[in-house]
Amino acid sequence: MKKLITILSLAVVGFAFAQEQEPTFTVSGSIDAYFRTNLTSSNDGGVNTILGEQGDFSAFNNDSGFSLGMANVNFSYMGEKVGFVADLAMGQRANEYNGEGSIVNEAYMYWNVSDKVRLQMGRFNSWMNPNEELSAAKNFHYSMSHMFSFSARNFNGITAAFDLGNDWGLGLGLMNPVNVIEGNQNASGAYSIAAGFWKGKSGISFASSKETSYIDFNTAFDVSESFSVALNAHIADFKVGGDAYQTIPLGGGVYLHEGFKSISAYPQYKTSDNLSWGMRLEYMMFDMGAFYVEDGLNVFSPTLTANYTVGALTIKPELRLDAASEDVFFDNDGAAAGGLTAFNLAAVYSF
């Protein structure tokens, strides 16, 4: 199972150090599209939460009806000592993640100083085998967790990874503040520092800048050949006035000021060579002042997804429920409601 440590700002954990004798150039990628319908809220294009068109608070697939996800092409040149990765992405999913008109998702270079030390510099996402990534082909679920939608997603800086032996590793880094990906002029000269430790499939990491900090724990284990579980706990603290550094908008010029805590479980069960079932059980605790709710907001979001593969094509039917502690959603009649249920049907082709 590919889901391990979600580092958030910089620790270089989980990298496999290059072993090949000759450099290899590869091209890979994916294309995805989806259909969505709200089962308990309007599908006429109107708002269904107090945040307006933010939808169910999750990123990338809030539009009802049929929609393009993203076309993603990854170029990599992997040498024994040095190499690079250039990840290009276009479409609605990429625009919402990286900004309208930007086709560069990731672009970074590495240098294996020795078989125990690796340096990396450039722009990258949650690059340490996270539970969720931008590419739909790398995720089991099609919709995204609240943690992914509102936390650290883009990084720009330099990192170092150290193989300590016996499956132990250490990552260190210096970057722009989290999600500041084009220079550092918007952050008044502040930088992020981060570090992480891992052993096997378990790890803990932190990232901190002038006004924001993130702590993340991630682990995964196999119960049997067909049943596996991943666990993730995450804390984000934006502090008062931290919205200058936490750059994920919530609609209408509003930012999540004080942070959140998230606990998630990802059980998966494989029933055949072509069919697997998975749940994402996330409990999200937004701190005071979030979403115009004075005393904070808690949201429980069970998501049931199936993955059916036909060659390189994966079909993902998905049922998602968001149940909130406050009436932050709207029902079919436009009245305030405490929950939203939606159905997604996604198709993802990988090459």
Protein backbone atom coordinates (compact mmCIF):
# COMPACT_ATOMS: atom_id res chain seq x y z
CA MET A 1 0.00 0.00 0.00
CA LYS A 2 1.37 3.27 -1.14
CA LYS A 3 0.07 5.47 1.62
CA LEU A 4 2.65 6.40 4.23
CA ILE A 5 3.93 9.59 5.78
CA THR A 6 2.33 12.95 4.81
CA ILE A 7 5.11 15.41 5.45
CA LEU A 8 3.90 18.84 5.25
CA SER A 9 6.43 21.26 4.47
CA LEU A 10 9.68 19.82 4.08
CA ALA A 11 11.14 16.79 5.63
CA VAL A 12 12.44 14.51 2.94
CA VAL A 13 11.07 11.23 4.15
CA GLY A 14 10.47 8.10 2.15
CA PHE A 15 12.75 8.77 -0.78
CA ALA A 16 14.28 5.72 -2.45
CA PHE A 17 17.89 6.43 -3.26
CA ALA A 18 18.86 5.84 -6.89
CA GLN A 19 20.48 2.52 -7.73
CA GLU A 20 20.52 2.43 -11.55
CA GLN A 21 23.82 2.61 -13.40
CA GLU A 22 22.50 4.48 -16.43
CA PRO A 23 20.14 7.49 -16.40
CA THR A 24 16.60 6.71 -17.50
CA PHE A 25 14.10 9.10 -19.07
CA THR A 26 10.42 8.28 -18.54
CA VAL A 27 7.07 9.83 -19.42
CA SER A 28 3.96 8.98 -17.41
CA GLY A 29 0.71 10.61 -16.43
CA SER A 30 -3.07 10.39 -16.25
CA ILE A 31 -6.36 11.87 -17.44
CA ASP A 32 -9.49 12.01 -15.29
CA ALA A 33 -13.11 13.15 -15.58
CA TYR A 34 -16.11 12.85 -13.28
CA PHE A 35 -19.85 13.11 -12.79
CA ARG A 36 -21.23 14.51 -9.53
CA THR A 37 -24.71 14.89 -8.14
CA ASN A 38 -25.77 16.22 -4.74
CA LEU A 39 -28.35 13.92 -3.16
CA THR A 40 -29.44 16.26 -0.37
CA SER A 41 -28.74 19.68 -1.88
CA SER A 42 -29.43 21.60 -5.07
CA ASN A 43 -27.70 20.74 -8.36
CA ASP A 44 -28.77 23.90 -10.19
CA GLY A 45 -25.44 25.65 -9.83
CA GLY A 46 -26.40 27.54 -6.71
CA VAL A 47 -24.47 27.54 -3.46
CA ASN A 48 -24.87 24.61 -1.05
CA THR A 49 -22.76 25.82 1.91
CA ILE A 50 -22.27 29.06 3.81
CA LEU A 51 -18.98 29.42 1.93
CA GLY A 52 -20.77 29.84 -1.37
CA GLU A 53 -19.33 27.82 -4.21
CA GLN A 54 -16.83 26.06 -1.99
CA GLY A 55 -19.24 23.11 -2.17
CA ASP A 56 -18.71 20.44 0.45
CA PHE A 57 -15.43 22.10 1.63
CA SER A 58 -13.34 19.54 -0.30
CA ALA A 59 -11.24 20.61 -3.24
CA PHE A 60 -11.54 19.97 -6.98
CA ASN A 61 -14.86 18.22 -7.61
CA ASN A 62 -17.68 20.45 -6.36
CA ASP A 63 -19.39 21.03 -9.72
CA SER A 64 -22.58 19.11 -10.42
CA GLY A 65 -22.94 17.24 -13.70
CA PHE A 66 -20.06 16.09 -15.91
CA SER A 67 -16.70 17.83 -15.64
CA LEU A 68 -13.07 17.47 -16.65
CA GLY A 69 -10.66 16.75 -13.87
CA MET A 70 -7.10 17.08 -15.13
CA ALA A 71 -4.60 16.02 -17.77
CA ASN A 72 -1.24 15.28 -16.13
CA VAL A 73 2.11 14.50 -17.79
CA ASN A 74 5.20 13.69 -15.75
CA PHE A 75 8.71 13.84 -17.26
CA SER A 76 11.55 12.40 -15.19
CA TYR A 77 15.26 11.87 -15.82
CA MET A 78 16.58 9.61 -13.10
CA GLY A 79 20.33 9.19 -12.79
CA GLU A 80 22.39 7.43 -10.15
CA LYS A 81 23.74 10.74 -8.86
CA VAL A 82 21.51 13.48 -10.28
CA GLY A 83 18.16 13.87 -11.98
CA PHE A 84 14.99 15.91 -12.26
CA VAL A 85 11.19 15.67 -12.27
CA ALA A 86 8.91 17.99 -14.27
CA ASP A 87 5.21 17.43 -13.59
CA LEU A 88 2.83 19.37 -15.86
CA ALA A 89 -0.91 19.53 -15.20
CA MET A 90 -3.80 21.20 -17.04
CA GLY A 91 -7.54 21.35 -16.37
CA GLN A 92 -9.98 22.33 -13.64
CA ARG A 93 -8.29 20.25 -10.94
CA ALA A 94 -4.88 21.79 -11.70
CA ASN A 95 -6.26 25.34 -11.89
CA GLU A 96 -7.84 25.09 -8.46
CA TYR A 97 -4.64 23.62 -7.01
CA ASN A 98 -1.92 25.75 -8.60
CA GLY A 99 -3.78 28.80 -9.89
CA GLU A 100 -5.41 29.66 -13.19
CA GLY A 101 -3.03 29.40 -16.14
CA SER A 102 -0.17 27.65 -14.31
CA ILE A 103 0.71 24.32 -15.92
CA VAL A 104 3.69 23.49 -13.69
CA ASN A 105 2.67 21.31 -10.79
CA GLU A 106 6.11 20.15 -9.67
CA ALA A 107 9.63 20.85 -10.93
CA TYR A 108 12.65 19.85 -8.88
CA MET A 109 16.18 18.44 -9.12
CA TYR A 110 18.02 16.02 -6.86
CA TRP A 111 21.60 15.08 -6.06
CA ASN A 112 22.50 11.83 -4.33
CA VAL A 113 25.58 13.05 -2.48
CA SER A 114 26.15 9.49 -1.23
CA ASP A 115 24.11 6.32 -0.76
CA LYS A 116 22.95 7.83 2.57
CA VAL A 117 22.36 11.50 1.73
CA ARG A 118 20.04 13.07 -0.87
CA LEU A 119 19.54 16.78 -1.60
CA GLN A 120 16.56 18.21 -3.49
CA MET A 121 15.68 21.71 -4.64
CA GLY A 122 12.69 23.17 -6.47
CA ARG A 123 8.92 23.16 -6.23
CA PHE A 124 6.96 20.11 -5.11
CA ASN A 125 3.72 18.97 -3.49
CA SER A 126 3.43 16.62 -0.52
CA TRP A 127 6.22 14.62 -1.98
CA MET A 128 6.80 12.07 0.77
CA ASN A 129 4.35 9.31 -0.15
CA PRO A 130 1.30 11.13 1.22
CA ASN A 131 -2.13 9.59 1.71
CA GLU A 132 -3.49 11.97 -0.93
CA GLU A 133 -1.96 13.78 -3.89
CA LEU A 134 -3.14 16.10 -6.65
CA SER A 135 -3.24 13.39 -9.32
CA ALA A 136 -6.44 11.35 -9.18
CA ALA A 137 -4.47 8.33 -10.40
CA LYS A 138 -2.41 8.35 -7.19
CA ASN A 139 -5.44 8.42 -4.85
CA PHE A 140 -7.86 5.65 -3.96
CA HIS A 141 -10.70 8.12 -3.30
CA TYR A 142 -11.68 10.68 -5.93
CA SER A 143 -12.85 13.49 -3.64
CA MET A 144 -10.27 14.96 -1.28
CA SER A 145 -10.18 15.02 2.51
CA HIS A 146 -10.68 18.27 4.41
CA MET A 147 -7.10 17.98 5.66
CA PHE A 148 -5.76 17.96 2.09
CA SER A 149 -8.07 20.78 1.04
CA PHE A 150 -7.09 23.19 3.83
CA SER A 151 -3.52 22.29 4.77
CA ALA A 152 -0.01 22.37 3.31
CA ARG A 153 -0.09 21.45 -0.38
CA ASN A 154 2.72 23.30 -2.18
CA PHE A 155 6.36 23.80 -1.24
CA ASN A 156 9.29 25.69 -2.72
CA GLY A 157 12.77 25.22 -1.27
CA ILE A 158 15.65 22.88 -0.54
CA THR A 159 15.56 19.64 1.45
CA ALA A 160 17.93 16.93 2.63
CA ALA A 161 17.14 13.27 3.36
CA PHE A 162 19.35 11.00 5.46
CA ASP A 163 19.14 7.20 5.45
CA LEU A 164 20.00 6.24 9.04
CA GLY A 165 19.81 2.49 8.47
CA ASN A 166 17.39 -0.18 9.74
CA ASP A 167 14.47 1.59 8.00
CA TRP A 168 15.10 4.80 9.97
CA GLY A 169 15.31 8.13 8.17
CA LEU A 170 15.61 11.85 8.86
CA GLY A 171 14.49 14.76 6.70
CA LEU A 172 15.39 18.46 7.02
CA GLY A 173 14.56 21.47 4.91
CA LEU A 174 14.35 25.21 4.37
CA MET A 175 11.51 26.62 2.24
CA ASN A 176 9.25 29.55 1.61
CA PRO A 177 6.20 29.61 3.88
CA VAL A 178 3.88 26.75 3.00
CA ASN A 179 1.84 27.34 -0.20
CA VAL A 180 3.99 30.33 -1.20
CA ILE A 181 5.36 28.93 -4.45
CA GLU A 182 6.40 31.97 -6.50
CA GLY A 183 9.15 33.79 -4.68
CA ASN A 184 8.84 34.93 -1.09
CA GLN A 185 7.76 38.54 -1.51
CA ASN A 186 4.32 37.92 0.01
CA ALA A 187 5.68 36.59 3.28
CA SER A 188 7.81 39.52 4.52
CA GLY A 189 10.99 37.48 4.36
CA ALA A 190 9.70 34.62 6.55
CA TYR A 191 10.76 31.05 5.77
CA SER A 192 9.62 27.61 6.81
CA ILE A 193 11.84 25.14 8.60
CA ALA A 194 10.83 21.51 8.85
CA ALA A 195 12.00 18.11 9.97
CA GLY A 196 10.69 14.57 10.06
CA PHE A 197 11.56 11.09 11.24
CA TRP A 198 10.32 7.82 9.82
CA LYS A 199 10.75 4.11 10.37
CA GLY A 200 9.28 1.81 7.79
CA LYS A 201 5.67 2.84 7.16
CA SER A 202 5.37 5.17 10.16
CA GLY A 203 6.60 8.72 10.54
CA ILE A 204 6.10 12.08 12.20
CA SER A 205 6.98 15.50 10.78
CA PHE A 206 6.56 19.20 11.47
CA ALA A 207 6.86 22.43 9.52
CA SER A 208 6.85 25.94 10.95
CA SER A 209 7.11 29.48 9.65
CA LYS A 210 6.53 32.89 11.28
CA GLU A 211 2.77 32.50 11.75
CA THR A 212 1.89 28.90 10.84
CA SER A 213 2.86 25.44 12.00
CA TYR A 214 1.95 21.89 10.99
CA ILE A 215 2.42 18.56 12.73
CA ASP A 216 1.63 15.30 10.96
CA PHE A 217 1.68 11.61 11.95
CA ASN A 218 1.11 8.84 9.44
CA THR A 219 1.28 5.06 9.54
CA ALA A 220 0.06 2.09 7.49
CA PHE A 221 -0.09 -1.66 8.00
CA ASP A 222 -1.41 -4.79 6.31
CA VAL A 223 -3.96 -6.83 8.28
CA SER A 224 -3.96 -9.57 5.62
CA GLU A 225 -3.12 -9.97 1.94
CA SER A 226 -6.42 -8.35 0.98
CA PHE A 227 -7.04 -5.91 3.88
CA SER A 228 -4.91 -2.89 4.80
CA VAL A 229 -5.30 0.23 6.93
CA ALA A 230 -3.63 3.67 6.93
CA LEU A 231 -3.98 6.21 9.75
CA ASN A 232 -3.29 9.95 9.68
CA ALA A 233 -3.40 12.63 12.39
CA HIS A 234 -2.73 16.26 11.53
CA ILE A 235 -2.62 19.60 13.36
CA ALA A 236 -2.49 22.98 11.62
CA ASP A 237 -2.11 26.20 13.63
CA PHE A 238 -2.45 29.46 11.71
CA LYS A 239 -2.41 31.73 14.78
CA VAL A 240 -4.05 35.15 14.88
CA GLY A 241 -3.15 37.08 11.75
CA GLY A 242 -1.70 33.99 10.13
CA ASP A 243 -3.85 34.32 7.04
CA ALA A 244 -1.03 36.26 5.36
CA TYR A 245 0.94 33.02 5.36
CA GLN A 246 -1.86 30.47 5.09
CA THR A 247 -2.77 31.14 1.48
CA ILE A 248 -5.71 28.79 0.86
CA PRO A 249 -8.81 31.01 0.45
CA LEU A 250 -12.22 29.85 1.64
CA GLY A 251 -14.29 31.99 -0.71
CA GLY A 252 -15.47 35.58 -0.43
CA GLY A 253 -12.02 36.73 0.69
CA VAL A 254 -12.34 34.73 3.92
CA TYR A 255 -9.51 32.66 5.37
CA LEU A 256 -9.40 30.00 8.04
CA HIS A 257 -7.70 32.01 10.79
CA GLU A 258 -6.85 29.67 13.61
CA GLY A 259 -6.27 26.20 12.16
CA PHE A 260 -7.70 22.73 12.64
CA LYS A 261 -7.13 19.16 13.82
CA SER A 262 -7.85 16.13 11.64
CA ILE A 263 -7.95 12.40 12.35
CA SER A 264 -8.45 9.95 9.47
CA ALA A 265 -8.54 6.20 8.90
CA TYR A 266 -8.23 4.61 5.46
CA PRO A 267 -9.26 0.92 5.50
CA GLN A 268 -9.15 -0.86 2.12
CA TYR A 269 -10.29 -4.33 1.11
CA LYS A 270 -9.48 -6.06 -2.17
CA THR A 271 -12.24 -8.45 -3.25
CA SER A 272 -10.75 -9.50 -6.62
CA ASP A 273 -7.92 -8.69 -9.01
CA ASN A 274 -10.05 -5.93 -10.54
CA LEU A 275 -12.13 -4.63 -7.63
CA SER A 276 -11.21 -2.96 -4.32
CA TRP A 277 -13.31 -1.14 -1.73
CA GLY A 278 -12.11 1.64 0.56
CA MET A 279 -13.39 3.97 3.27
CA ARG A 280 -12.02 7.33 4.35
CA LEU A 281 -13.23 8.14 7.85
CA GLU A 282 -12.18 11.70 8.63
CA TYR A 283 -13.11 13.74 11.69
CA MET A 284 -12.20 17.39 11.22
CA MET A 285 -12.16 19.95 14.06
CA PHE A 286 -11.93 23.51 12.77
CA ASP A 287 -10.82 26.01 15.42
CA MET A 288 -12.74 29.07 16.60
CA GLY A 289 -13.62 31.64 13.99
CA ALA A 290 -13.81 29.18 11.12
CA PHE A 291 -16.50 29.60 8.45
CA TYR A 292 -18.28 32.41 10.32
CA VAL A 293 -19.00 29.91 13.13
CA GLU A 294 -17.92 31.64 16.33
CA ASP A 295 -17.34 28.54 18.46
CA GLY A 296 -15.66 26.38 15.83
CA LEU A 297 -16.93 23.60 13.61
CA ASN A 298 -16.59 19.81 13.61
CA VAL A 299 -17.25 17.74 10.49
CA PHE A 300 -17.39 13.94 10.14
CA SER A 301 -16.94 12.78 6.54
CA PRO A 302 -17.28 9.05 5.82
CA THR A 303 -16.52 8.36 2.16
CA LEU A 304 -17.07 4.97 0.50
CA THR A 305 -15.25 4.38 -2.79
CA ALA A 306 -14.83 1.43 -5.12
CA ASN A 307 -11.96 1.05 -7.60
CA TYR A 308 -12.72 -1.17 -10.62
CA THR A 309 -9.87 -1.54 -13.11
CA VAL A 310 -10.07 -2.40 -16.79
CA GLY A 311 -6.51 -2.39 -18.05
CA ALA A 312 -5.13 1.12 -17.51
CA LEU A 313 -8.61 2.55 -16.82
CA THR A 314 -10.01 2.82 -13.26
CA ILE A 315 -13.69 3.48 -12.57
CA LYS A 316 -14.37 5.09 -9.18
CA PRO A 317 -17.99 5.24 -7.93
CA GLU A 318 -18.07 7.13 -4.62
CA LEU A 319 -20.63 8.06 -1.97
CA ARG A 320 -19.65 10.86 0.42
CA LEU A 321 -21.38 12.27 3.50
CA ASP A 322 -20.37 15.45 5.31
CA ALA A 323 -22.07 15.75 8.71
CA ALA A 324 -21.35 19.01 10.56
CA SER A 325 -21.88 20.18 14.13
CA GLU A 326 -23.55 23.36 12.80
CA ASP A 327 -26.03 24.03 10.00
CA VAL A 328 -23.45 25.10 7.42
CA PHE A 329 -25.02 23.34 4.41
CA PHE A 330 -28.23 23.95 2.48
CA ASP A 331 -30.84 21.35 1.57
CA ASN A 332 -32.81 21.05 -1.69
CA ASP A 333 -35.17 23.82 -0.56
CA GLY A 334 -32.39 26.22 0.36
CA ALA A 335 -32.87 25.79 4.11
CA ALA A 336 -29.89 25.47 6.46
CA ALA A 337 -28.90 21.87 7.13
CA GLY A 338 -26.23 20.00 9.07
CA GLY A 339 -25.18 17.61 6.33
CA LEU A 340 -24.53 17.08 2.63
CA THR A 341 -24.54 13.78 0.74
CA ALA A 342 -23.06 13.56 -2.75
CA PHE A 343 -22.34 10.86 -5.34
CA ASN A 344 -19.33 10.88 -7.66
CA LEU A 345 -18.56 8.68 -10.64
CA ALA A 346 -14.99 9.21 -11.87
CA ALA A 347 -12.94 7.68 -14.66
CA VAL A 348 -9.13 7.78 -14.46
CA TYR A 349 -6.78 6.59 -17.22
CA SER A 350 -3.09 6.15 -16.36
CA PHE A 351 -0.15 5.78 -18.75
